[in-house]
Amino acid sequence: MKSLPLFDYSSVPADERSSIERSFGAFTMLAQVLEWGRDLDPAVVVDDIVAMDEYSHDVVVKLPNGRHLAFDTT
């Protein structure tokens, strides 16, 4: 099964990166990310959606620690 690749552009510490990969590595659809966020307490929701073109969007999720993840969707 294909998983979401993680591209780290902010030099996240190795332990935090590993935690992110464990949380999202098995996800294959944006719906799984949204479901995961709704299940947290407090809930994590989409912070922004950036239209890249008519087919591609970046979906930005703010994590509880203040970091943001951007999911490239088509």
N, C-alpha and C. Protein backbone atom coordinates (compact mmCIF):
# COMPACT_ATOMS: atom_id res chain seq x y z
N MET A 1 0.83 -1.18 0.00
CA MET A 1 0.00 0.00 0.00
C MET A 1 0.88 1.24 0.00
N LYS A 2 0.56 2.18 -0.82
CA LYS A 2 1.31 3.42 -0.92
C LYS A 2 0.99 4.32 0.27
N SER A 3 1.99 5.02 0.77
CA SER A 3 1.77 5.94 1.89
C SER A 3 2.13 7.36 1.47
N LEU A 4 1.71 8.30 2.30
CA LEU A 4 2.02 9.70 2.03
C LEU A 4 3.49 9.96 2.29
N PRO A 5 4.21 10.55 1.35
CA PRO A 5 5.61 10.90 1.61
C PRO A 5 5.68 12.13 2.50
N LEU A 6 6.69 12.21 3.31
CA LEU A 6 6.89 13.37 4.18
C LEU A 6 8.13 14.11 3.70
N PHE A 7 7.94 15.35 3.30
CA PHE A 7 9.05 16.21 2.91
C PHE A 7 9.22 17.24 4.00
N ASP A 8 10.35 17.22 4.67
CA ASP A 8 10.63 18.10 5.80
C ASP A 8 11.45 19.30 5.32
N TYR A 9 10.82 20.46 5.28
CA TYR A 9 11.50 21.68 4.85
C TYR A 9 11.87 22.58 6.03
N SER A 10 11.70 22.07 7.25
CA SER A 10 11.95 22.92 8.41
C SER A 10 12.87 22.28 9.45
N SER A 11 13.57 21.23 9.10
CA SER A 11 14.52 20.57 10.00
C SER A 11 13.88 20.16 11.31
N VAL A 12 12.78 19.43 11.22
CA VAL A 12 12.10 18.91 12.39
C VAL A 12 13.02 17.93 13.10
N PRO A 13 13.10 18.01 14.44
CA PRO A 13 13.94 17.05 15.18
C PRO A 13 13.53 15.61 14.85
N ALA A 14 14.51 14.71 14.87
CA ALA A 14 14.30 13.32 14.44
C ALA A 14 13.17 12.63 15.19
N ASP A 15 13.06 12.83 16.51
CA ASP A 15 12.01 12.16 17.28
C ASP A 15 10.62 12.68 16.88
N GLU A 16 10.51 13.97 16.63
CA GLU A 16 9.23 14.54 16.20
C GLU A 16 8.88 14.09 14.78
N ARG A 17 9.88 14.05 13.91
CA ARG A 17 9.65 13.57 12.54
C ARG A 17 9.16 12.13 12.56
N SER A 18 9.78 11.30 13.39
CA SER A 18 9.38 9.91 13.51
C SER A 18 7.93 9.80 14.00
N SER A 19 7.54 10.63 14.93
CA SER A 19 6.17 10.65 15.44
C SER A 19 5.19 11.04 14.34
N ILE A 20 5.55 12.03 13.54
CA ILE A 20 4.70 12.47 12.42
C ILE A 20 4.56 11.33 11.41
N GLU A 21 5.67 10.68 11.09
CA GLU A 21 5.62 9.57 10.13
C GLU A 21 4.76 8.42 10.64
N ARG A 22 4.82 8.15 11.94
CA ARG A 22 3.97 7.09 12.50
C ARG A 22 2.49 7.49 12.43
N SER A 23 2.20 8.76 12.64
CA SER A 23 0.81 9.23 12.62
C SER A 23 0.22 9.23 11.22
N PHE A 24 1.01 9.64 10.23
CA PHE A 24 0.47 9.86 8.89
C PHE A 24 0.99 8.91 7.83
N GLY A 25 2.00 8.14 8.13
CA GLY A 25 2.65 7.31 7.12
C GLY A 25 1.75 6.31 6.42
N ALA A 26 0.74 5.82 7.11
CA ALA A 26 -0.15 4.83 6.51
C ALA A 26 -1.35 5.46 5.80
N PHE A 27 -1.51 6.77 5.94
CA PHE A 27 -2.64 7.43 5.30
C PHE A 27 -2.42 7.50 3.80
N THR A 28 -3.48 7.31 3.05
CA THR A 28 -3.41 7.40 1.59
C THR A 28 -4.40 8.42 1.04
N MET A 29 -5.25 8.98 1.93
CA MET A 29 -6.26 9.94 1.49
C MET A 29 -6.37 11.08 2.49
N LEU A 30 -6.73 12.24 2.00
CA LEU A 30 -6.92 13.40 2.86
C LEU A 30 -8.01 13.13 3.89
N ALA A 31 -9.02 12.37 3.54
CA ALA A 31 -10.11 12.06 4.48
C ALA A 31 -9.57 11.41 5.75
N GLN A 32 -8.53 10.61 5.63
CA GLN A 32 -7.93 9.97 6.81
C GLN A 32 -7.28 11.00 7.72
N VAL A 33 -6.66 12.01 7.13
CA VAL A 33 -6.05 13.08 7.92
C VAL A 33 -7.13 13.84 8.68
N LEU A 34 -8.23 14.16 8.00
CA LEU A 34 -9.31 14.91 8.64
C LEU A 34 -9.96 14.09 9.76
N GLU A 35 -10.14 12.81 9.54
CA GLU A 35 -10.71 11.94 10.58
C GLU A 35 -9.78 11.87 11.79
N TRP A 36 -8.49 11.74 11.55
CA TRP A 36 -7.50 11.71 12.62
C TRP A 36 -7.60 12.99 13.44
N GLY A 37 -7.68 14.13 12.77
CA GLY A 37 -7.74 15.42 13.46
C GLY A 37 -8.99 15.59 14.30
N ARG A 38 -10.12 15.11 13.79
CA ARG A 38 -11.38 15.21 14.54
C ARG A 38 -11.35 14.35 15.80
N ASP A 39 -10.59 13.27 15.78
CA ASP A 39 -10.54 12.35 16.92
C ASP A 39 -9.63 12.83 18.04
N LEU A 40 -8.81 13.83 17.79
CA LEU A 40 -7.91 14.34 18.84
C LEU A 40 -8.69 15.22 19.82
N ASP A 41 -8.13 15.40 21.01
CA ASP A 41 -8.72 16.30 22.00
C ASP A 41 -7.62 17.22 22.52
N PRO A 42 -7.60 18.49 22.12
CA PRO A 42 -8.59 19.16 21.28
C PRO A 42 -8.43 18.75 19.81
N ALA A 43 -9.50 18.91 19.08
CA ALA A 43 -9.52 18.53 17.66
C ALA A 43 -8.54 19.39 16.86
N VAL A 44 -7.96 18.78 15.85
CA VAL A 44 -7.09 19.48 14.90
C VAL A 44 -7.86 19.57 13.59
N VAL A 45 -7.99 20.77 13.08
CA VAL A 45 -8.78 20.97 11.86
C VAL A 45 -7.94 21.67 10.80
N VAL A 46 -8.49 21.75 9.61
CA VAL A 46 -7.82 22.43 8.51
C VAL A 46 -7.69 23.91 8.86
N ASP A 47 -6.49 24.42 8.76
CA ASP A 47 -6.21 25.83 9.06
C ASP A 47 -6.37 26.69 7.82
N ASP A 48 -6.05 26.12 6.65
CA ASP A 48 -6.12 26.89 5.40
C ASP A 48 -6.10 25.93 4.22
N ILE A 49 -6.67 26.36 3.13
CA ILE A 49 -6.59 25.64 1.86
C ILE A 49 -6.08 26.64 0.83
N VAL A 50 -4.96 26.30 0.20
CA VAL A 50 -4.32 27.19 -0.77
C VAL A 50 -4.47 26.57 -2.15
N ALA A 51 -5.16 27.28 -3.04
CA ALA A 51 -5.31 26.80 -4.42
C ALA A 51 -4.00 27.02 -5.17
N MET A 52 -3.43 25.92 -5.68
CA MET A 52 -2.19 26.02 -6.43
C MET A 52 -2.50 26.23 -7.92
N ASP A 53 -3.52 25.57 -8.39
CA ASP A 53 -4.06 25.75 -9.73
C ASP A 53 -5.48 25.18 -9.69
N GLU A 54 -6.11 24.99 -10.83
CA GLU A 54 -7.50 24.53 -10.82
C GLU A 54 -7.65 23.09 -10.34
N TYR A 55 -6.57 22.33 -10.27
CA TYR A 55 -6.64 20.93 -9.86
C TYR A 55 -5.94 20.62 -8.55
N SER A 56 -4.99 21.41 -8.16
CA SER A 56 -4.16 21.11 -6.99
C SER A 56 -4.39 22.14 -5.88
N HIS A 57 -4.46 21.63 -4.67
CA HIS A 57 -4.61 22.48 -3.49
C HIS A 57 -3.67 21.98 -2.41
N ASP A 58 -3.15 22.90 -1.61
CA ASP A 58 -2.42 22.54 -0.40
C ASP A 58 -3.37 22.71 0.77
N VAL A 59 -3.55 21.66 1.55
CA VAL A 59 -4.40 21.71 2.72
C VAL A 59 -3.48 21.80 3.93
N VAL A 60 -3.60 22.87 4.69
CA VAL A 60 -2.71 23.16 5.81
C VAL A 60 -3.42 22.81 7.12
N VAL A 61 -2.76 21.99 7.93
CA VAL A 61 -3.28 21.57 9.23
C VAL A 61 -2.32 22.06 10.29
N LYS A 62 -2.85 22.77 11.31
CA LYS A 62 -2.02 23.25 12.41
C LYS A 62 -2.04 22.21 13.52
N LEU A 63 -0.86 21.73 13.91
CA LEU A 63 -0.74 20.74 14.96
C LEU A 63 -0.76 21.41 16.33
N PRO A 64 -1.08 20.66 17.40
CA PRO A 64 -1.14 21.25 18.74
C PRO A 64 0.16 21.92 19.19
N ASN A 65 1.30 21.46 18.67
CA ASN A 65 2.58 22.04 19.08
C ASN A 65 2.94 23.32 18.32
N GLY A 66 2.02 23.79 17.46
CA GLY A 66 2.26 25.02 16.72
C GLY A 66 2.84 24.82 15.34
N ARG A 67 3.32 23.63 15.04
CA ARG A 67 3.82 23.34 13.70
C ARG A 67 2.63 23.17 12.75
N HIS A 68 2.92 23.30 11.46
CA HIS A 68 1.91 23.11 10.44
C HIS A 68 2.34 21.99 9.49
N LEU A 69 1.37 21.22 9.04
CA LEU A 69 1.60 20.24 7.98
C LEU A 69 0.80 20.68 6.77
N ALA A 70 1.39 20.58 5.59
CA ALA A 70 0.70 20.90 4.36
C ALA A 70 0.57 19.63 3.54
N PHE A 71 -0.65 19.33 3.14
CA PHE A 71 -0.93 18.16 2.34
C PHE A 71 -1.26 18.61 0.92
N ASP A 72 -0.48 18.14 -0.03
CA ASP A 72 -0.68 18.48 -1.44
C ASP A 72 -1.77 17.56 -1.98
N THR A 73 -2.86 18.12 -2.46
CA THR A 73 -3.96 17.31 -2.96
C THR A 73 -4.25 17.65 -4.42
N THR A 74 -4.74 16.66 -5.13
CA THR A 74 -5.17 16.89 -6.53
C THR A 74 -6.53 16.28 -6.72
